Amino acid sequence: MKRVHRTRFIFSPQFKFRPMLIQTIPDGRITPEKIDRLDRDDIFVFGSSLMGPYFGGAARVAYEKFGAGGVTEGLKGATYAIPVVRAGVDMVKPHVDTFLAFARSHPEYRFWVTRVGCGIAGFSDEEIAPLFAPAVAMPHVALPASFWKVLLQKGLYFPVLPSERIASDSIESLADNEIFVFGSNLSGKHYGGAACIANRKFGAEWGVGKGLTGRSYAIPTMRAGVEMIKPYVDEFIAFARSHPEYRFLVTRVGCGIAGFSDEEIAPLFAGAADVPNIALPRSFWQVIFTLS
């Protein structure tokens, strides 16, 4: 079968340190929606019933094209059957666990997992996908895009990020080219939290509540709503994009004294995903990756 590679958030901008690669889903780990043929070591993984008959969906494809031939569970031909016509997800889980154990012990195969249980069995992606969370660590197991989306949303999978794109939760010092990005008030009274650190350690000027001073960049976040913060975040992103000589370390702006949550603030920074000299907190990345 022709390998299908689908990667999101892949960027190769002109960044002076080194090219960046951000992958929402690992390369080659998405099962195509339609599989017409398999390569030599490919295994088609489908949802079956313990009775064996194949009424439709992936089960019929397994029977008609890939040699399933009446198997109710396990490997036969170029297929692997997982019983899913059960009373509840808790009854499906042991069968998925059995498959995962088999896959873990057989790295010589490439397993293409279909949306098992999400057809005739009547389960949803949200119910079934978490059962496959251990497969995230198995590079020879591909999952449907809808499963990956659920794993992202539930925090069961976190994309691989270059370390320089993740800002530490505790920043005590800066390299020569680094800028500390913090949440401020427009009056520039840096009393507490990251603003106090910016003022005491990294040259943020008292009375300046927006933009670059010293080795800090202030984003006003003491506002009535997120929509009032967005223009300042947009302005920051544009500034960072035009200054690739700096690396900007963004703190959890707005998520301290200002009282906003990661879920409210992080989406404002989605535009920073393709700006390689901006590092965001891990909690912001988690929200950004689940937006779609």
Protein backbone atom coordinates (compact mmCIF):
# COMPACT_ATOMS: atom_id res chain seq x y z
CA MET A 1 0.00 0.00 0.00
CA LYS A 2 1.23 3.45 -0.81
CA ARG A 3 2.43 5.20 2.33
CA VAL A 4 0.36 8.22 3.28
CA HIS A 5 2.15 11.05 5.04
CA ARG A 6 0.05 13.79 6.61
CA THR A 7 1.73 16.31 8.82
CA ARG A 8 0.29 19.50 10.22
CA PHE A 9 2.12 22.56 11.48
CA ILE A 10 5.27 21.86 9.46
CA PHE A 11 7.34 24.98 9.22
CA SER A 12 10.71 25.76 7.71
CA PRO A 13 11.00 29.51 8.13
CA GLN A 14 14.19 31.49 7.98
CA PHE A 15 15.41 31.14 11.53
CA LYS A 16 19.02 31.81 12.23
CA PHE A 17 19.49 29.07 14.84
CA ARG A 18 18.31 26.02 12.85
CA PRO A 19 15.25 24.94 10.83
CA MET A 20 12.24 23.96 12.93
CA LEU A 21 9.88 21.03 12.44
CA ILE A 22 6.64 20.86 14.38
CA GLN A 23 4.48 17.84 13.72
CA THR A 24 0.99 17.62 15.11
CA ILE A 25 0.78 13.96 14.11
CA PRO A 26 3.90 11.84 13.55
CA ASP A 27 4.84 11.35 9.92
CA GLY A 28 3.23 8.28 8.40
CA ARG A 29 1.10 7.47 11.46
CA ILE A 30 -2.33 8.25 10.01
CA THR A 31 -4.40 5.40 8.60
CA PRO A 32 -5.88 6.36 5.20
CA GLU A 33 -9.67 6.52 5.12
CA LYS A 34 -9.68 4.06 2.25
CA ILE A 35 -7.22 1.17 1.90
CA ASP A 36 -7.30 -0.70 -1.41
CA ARG A 37 -4.10 -2.69 -1.14
CA LEU A 38 -1.38 -3.59 1.32
CA ASP A 39 2.37 -3.90 1.11
CA ARG A 40 4.09 -7.12 2.12
CA ASP A 41 4.33 -6.49 5.88
CA ASP A 42 1.12 -4.43 6.25
CA ILE A 43 -1.68 -5.60 8.52
CA PHE A 44 -5.24 -4.32 8.20
CA VAL A 45 -6.77 -3.92 11.68
CA PHE A 46 -10.56 -3.96 11.82
CA GLY A 47 -13.46 -4.32 14.23
CA SER A 48 -15.20 -7.70 14.22
CA SER A 49 -17.93 -9.56 16.07
CA LEU A 50 -17.28 -12.70 18.10
CA MET A 51 -19.68 -14.47 15.75
CA GLY A 52 -17.38 -14.02 12.80
CA PRO A 53 -19.76 -12.82 10.03
CA TYR A 54 -18.65 -9.69 8.21
CA PHE A 55 -21.65 -7.53 7.46
CA GLY A 56 -20.06 -4.31 6.29
CA GLY A 57 -17.53 -1.55 6.70
CA ALA A 58 -13.90 -2.41 7.37
CA ALA A 59 -14.84 -5.98 8.31
CA ARG A 60 -16.16 -6.67 4.82
CA VAL A 61 -13.04 -5.11 3.27
CA ALA A 62 -10.90 -7.36 5.49
CA TYR A 63 -12.87 -10.42 4.36
CA GLU A 64 -13.12 -9.62 0.65
CA LYS A 65 -9.64 -8.17 0.05
CA PHE A 66 -7.18 -9.14 2.76
CA GLY A 67 -7.92 -12.73 3.79
CA ALA A 68 -9.78 -12.34 7.10
CA GLY A 69 -11.79 -15.45 6.20
CA GLY A 70 -14.00 -15.93 9.29
CA VAL A 71 -11.55 -15.05 12.07
CA THR A 72 -13.25 -13.55 15.11
CA GLU A 73 -10.14 -12.24 16.88
CA GLY A 74 -6.46 -12.04 16.10
CA LEU A 75 -4.30 -12.40 13.02
CA LYS A 76 -5.37 -14.05 9.82
CA GLY A 77 -4.14 -13.34 6.33
CA ALA A 78 -3.08 -9.71 6.23
CA THR A 79 -5.66 -8.73 8.84
CA TYR A 80 -6.09 -8.47 12.60
CA ALA A 81 -9.61 -8.67 14.06
CA ILE A 82 -10.61 -6.86 17.25
CA PRO A 83 -14.07 -7.84 18.59
CA VAL A 84 -16.06 -4.65 19.11
CA VAL A 85 -19.71 -5.67 18.90
CA ARG A 86 -20.02 -5.64 22.68
CA ALA A 87 -22.30 -4.12 25.32
CA GLY A 88 -19.87 -1.39 26.35
CA VAL A 89 -16.40 0.06 25.89
CA ASP A 90 -15.21 -1.74 29.01
CA MET A 91 -15.87 -5.02 27.18
CA VAL A 92 -13.93 -3.85 24.12
CA LYS A 93 -10.85 -2.72 26.07
CA PRO A 94 -9.43 -6.23 26.82
CA HIS A 95 -9.52 -7.04 23.11
CA VAL A 96 -7.76 -3.79 22.23
CA ASP A 97 -5.18 -4.52 24.94
CA THR A 98 -4.59 -7.94 23.40
CA PHE A 99 -4.03 -6.33 20.01
CA LEU A 100 -1.63 -3.74 21.46
CA ALA A 101 0.39 -6.46 23.16
CA PHE A 102 0.56 -8.37 19.88
CA ALA A 103 1.62 -5.26 17.96
CA ARG A 104 4.26 -4.42 20.55
CA SER A 105 5.80 -7.86 20.15
CA HIS A 106 5.71 -7.77 16.35
CA PRO A 107 7.56 -4.65 15.16
CA GLU A 108 8.22 -6.38 11.85
CA TYR A 109 4.63 -5.59 10.82
CA ARG A 110 3.00 -2.29 9.95
CA PHE A 111 -0.48 -2.11 11.53
CA TRP A 112 -3.09 0.09 9.89
CA VAL A 113 -5.84 0.55 12.48
CA THR A 114 -9.23 1.48 11.06
CA ARG A 115 -11.98 3.19 13.10
CA VAL A 116 -12.67 -0.06 14.93
CA GLY A 117 -15.97 0.03 16.78
CA CYS A 118 -17.10 3.30 15.21
CA GLY A 119 -19.25 1.80 12.48
CA ILE A 120 -21.87 -0.90 12.96
CA ALA A 121 -20.85 -1.36 16.62
CA GLY A 122 -22.06 2.19 17.21
CA PHE A 123 -19.28 3.59 19.40
CA SER A 124 -17.82 7.07 18.88
CA ASP A 125 -14.21 8.11 18.32
CA GLU A 126 -14.29 9.73 21.78
CA GLU A 127 -15.11 6.35 23.33
CA ILE A 128 -12.73 4.13 21.35
CA ALA A 129 -9.67 6.29 20.65
CA PRO A 130 -8.45 6.45 24.30
CA LEU A 131 -8.19 2.66 24.30
CA PHE A 132 -5.46 3.02 21.68
CA ALA A 133 -3.42 5.61 23.61
CA PRO A 134 -0.52 3.13 24.22
CA ALA A 135 -0.11 2.89 20.43
CA VAL A 136 1.26 6.44 20.44
CA ALA A 137 4.61 4.96 21.48
CA MET A 138 4.53 2.31 18.75
CA PRO A 139 5.92 3.78 15.50
CA HIS A 140 4.71 0.81 13.47
CA VAL A 141 1.05 1.37 14.41
CA ALA A 142 -0.99 3.91 12.43
CA LEU A 143 -4.28 5.29 13.76
CA PRO A 144 -7.17 7.12 12.06
CA ALA A 145 -6.92 10.90 12.04
CA SER A 146 -10.09 11.08 14.15
CA PHE A 147 -8.41 8.96 16.85
CA TRP A 148 -5.35 11.22 16.89
CA LYS A 149 -7.60 14.24 17.30
CA VAL A 150 -9.26 12.71 20.36
CA LEU A 151 -5.91 11.73 21.87
CA LEU A 152 -4.72 15.32 21.44
CA GLN A 153 -7.86 16.78 22.96
CA LYS A 154 -7.76 14.46 25.95
CA GLY A 155 -4.06 15.09 26.56
CA LEU A 156 -3.20 11.45 25.86
CA TYR A 157 -0.76 12.48 23.14
CA PHE A 158 1.49 15.50 22.98
CA PRO A 159 3.31 16.30 19.72
CA VAL A 160 7.07 16.29 19.56
CA LEU A 161 8.33 19.85 19.78
CA PRO A 162 11.86 21.16 19.43
CA SER A 163 13.00 22.02 22.94
CA GLU A 164 13.67 25.62 21.92
CA ARG A 165 9.96 26.10 21.15
CA ILE A 166 8.94 25.37 24.74
CA ALA A 167 9.33 28.13 27.33
CA SER A 168 10.20 26.98 30.83
CA ASP A 169 7.71 27.56 33.62
CA SER A 170 10.56 28.99 35.67
CA ILE A 171 12.93 31.41 33.92
CA GLU A 172 15.79 32.55 36.12
CA SER A 173 18.26 33.75 33.50
CA LEU A 174 18.43 34.65 29.82
CA ALA A 175 20.89 33.92 27.04
CA ASP A 176 22.31 36.93 25.21
CA ASN A 177 19.65 36.87 22.50
CA GLU A 178 16.63 35.98 24.65
CA ILE A 179 13.69 38.19 25.59
CA PHE A 180 11.37 37.59 28.56
CA VAL A 181 7.72 38.05 27.52
CA PHE A 182 5.29 38.80 30.34
CA GLY A 183 1.78 40.04 31.07
CA SER A 184 1.52 43.62 32.26
CA ASN A 185 -0.90 46.41 32.97
CA LEU A 186 -0.96 49.46 30.71
CA SER A 187 0.31 51.70 33.50
CA GLY A 188 3.47 49.61 33.74
CA LYS A 189 3.22 49.01 37.48
CA HIS A 190 5.08 45.73 37.70
CA TYR A 191 4.08 44.68 41.18
CA GLY A 192 3.81 40.90 41.07
CA GLY A 193 4.19 37.64 39.19
CA ALA A 194 6.17 37.58 35.95
CA ALA A 195 5.92 41.38 35.72
CA CYS A 196 7.87 41.74 38.96
CA ILE A 197 10.52 39.30 37.70
CA ALA A 198 10.74 41.23 34.42
CA ASN A 199 11.28 44.48 36.32
CA ARG A 200 13.74 43.15 38.90
CA LYS A 201 15.80 40.83 36.69
CA PHE A 202 15.33 41.63 33.02
CA GLY A 203 15.13 45.40 32.71
CA ALA A 204 11.40 45.98 32.23
CA GLU A 205 10.94 49.69 32.87
CA TRP A 206 8.51 50.84 35.54
CA GLY A 207 5.74 52.86 33.94
CA VAL A 208 6.03 51.14 30.54
CA GLY A 209 3.21 48.65 30.10
CA LYS A 210 3.61 47.64 26.46
CA GLY A 211 6.43 46.54 24.20
CA LEU A 212 10.17 46.05 24.54
CA THR A 213 12.22 47.53 27.35
CA GLY A 214 15.48 46.10 28.59
CA ARG A 215 15.41 42.37 27.89
CA SER A 216 11.65 42.10 28.39
CA TYR A 217 8.53 42.49 26.29
CA ALA A 218 5.28 43.54 27.98
CA ILE A 219 1.86 42.42 26.75
CA PRO A 220 -1.04 44.20 28.52
CA THR A 221 -3.34 41.54 29.98
CA MET A 222 -5.13 43.39 32.79
CA ARG A 223 -8.12 43.94 30.54
CA ALA A 224 -11.85 43.29 30.74
CA GLY A 225 -11.87 40.48 28.19
CA VAL A 226 -9.73 38.32 25.94
CA GLU A 227 -10.83 40.28 22.87
CA MET A 228 -9.10 43.35 24.35
CA ILE A 229 -5.84 41.43 24.78
CA LYS A 230 -5.73 39.99 21.26
CA PRO A 231 -4.46 43.18 19.50
CA TYR A 232 -1.49 43.33 21.86
CA VAL A 233 -0.67 39.66 21.26
CA ASP A 234 -0.92 40.20 17.50
CA GLU A 235 1.41 43.16 17.81
CA PHE A 236 3.89 41.05 19.77
CA ILE A 237 3.82 38.23 17.21
CA ALA A 238 4.44 40.72 14.38
CA PHE A 239 7.33 42.21 16.35
CA ALA A 240 8.90 38.80 16.98
CA ARG A 241 8.51 37.85 13.33
CA SER A 242 10.40 40.97 12.29
CA HIS A 243 13.19 40.37 14.82
CA PRO A 244 14.57 36.87 14.15
CA GLU A 245 17.78 37.84 15.94
CA TYR A 246 15.93 37.43 19.25
CA ARG A 247 14.37 34.39 20.90
CA PHE A 248 11.21 35.30 22.79
CA LEU A 249 10.33 33.28 25.89
CA VAL A 250 6.62 33.69 26.52
CA THR A 251 5.36 33.16 30.06
CA ARG A 252 1.74 32.22 30.84
CA VAL A 253 0.71 35.80 30.16
CA GLY A 254 -2.69 36.65 31.54
CA CYS A 255 -2.99 33.42 33.51
CA GLY A 256 -1.83 34.79 36.85
CA ILE A 257 -3.06 37.99 38.46
CA ALA A 258 -5.15 38.82 35.36
CA GLY A 259 -7.22 35.72 36.07
CA PHE A 260 -7.56 34.19 32.59
CA SER A 261 -7.08 30.49 31.82
CA ASP A 262 -4.74 28.77 29.37
CA GLU A 263 -7.81 27.84 27.32
CA GLU A 264 -8.70 31.53 26.97
CA ILE A 265 -5.24 32.96 26.30
CA ALA A 266 -3.41 30.23 24.37
CA PRO A 267 -5.59 30.54 21.21
CA LEU A 268 -4.42 34.15 20.89
CA PHE A 269 -0.91 32.76 20.33
CA ALA A 270 -1.89 30.27 17.60
CA GLY A 271 -0.30 32.62 15.09
CA ALA A 272 3.03 32.13 16.86
CA ALA A 273 3.16 28.48 15.79
CA ASP A 274 4.97 29.40 12.55
CA VAL A 275 7.29 31.95 14.18
CA PRO A 276 10.32 29.83 15.11
CA ASN A 277 11.91 32.35 17.47
CA ILE A 278 8.89 32.31 19.81
CA ALA A 279 8.84 29.75 22.62
CA LEU A 280 5.49 29.14 24.32
CA PRO A 281 4.60 27.44 27.60
CA ARG A 282 3.80 23.76 27.24
CA SER A 283 0.25 24.42 28.49
CA PHE A 284 -0.27 26.91 25.63
CA TRP A 285 0.97 24.40 23.06
CA GLN A 286 -1.44 21.78 24.38
CA VAL A 287 -4.37 24.12 23.79
CA ILE A 288 -3.13 25.25 20.38
CA PHE A 289 -2.71 21.71 19.12
CA THR A 290 -6.29 20.83 20.04
CA LEU A 291 -7.94 23.88 18.46
CA SER A 292 -8.85 22.05 15.25
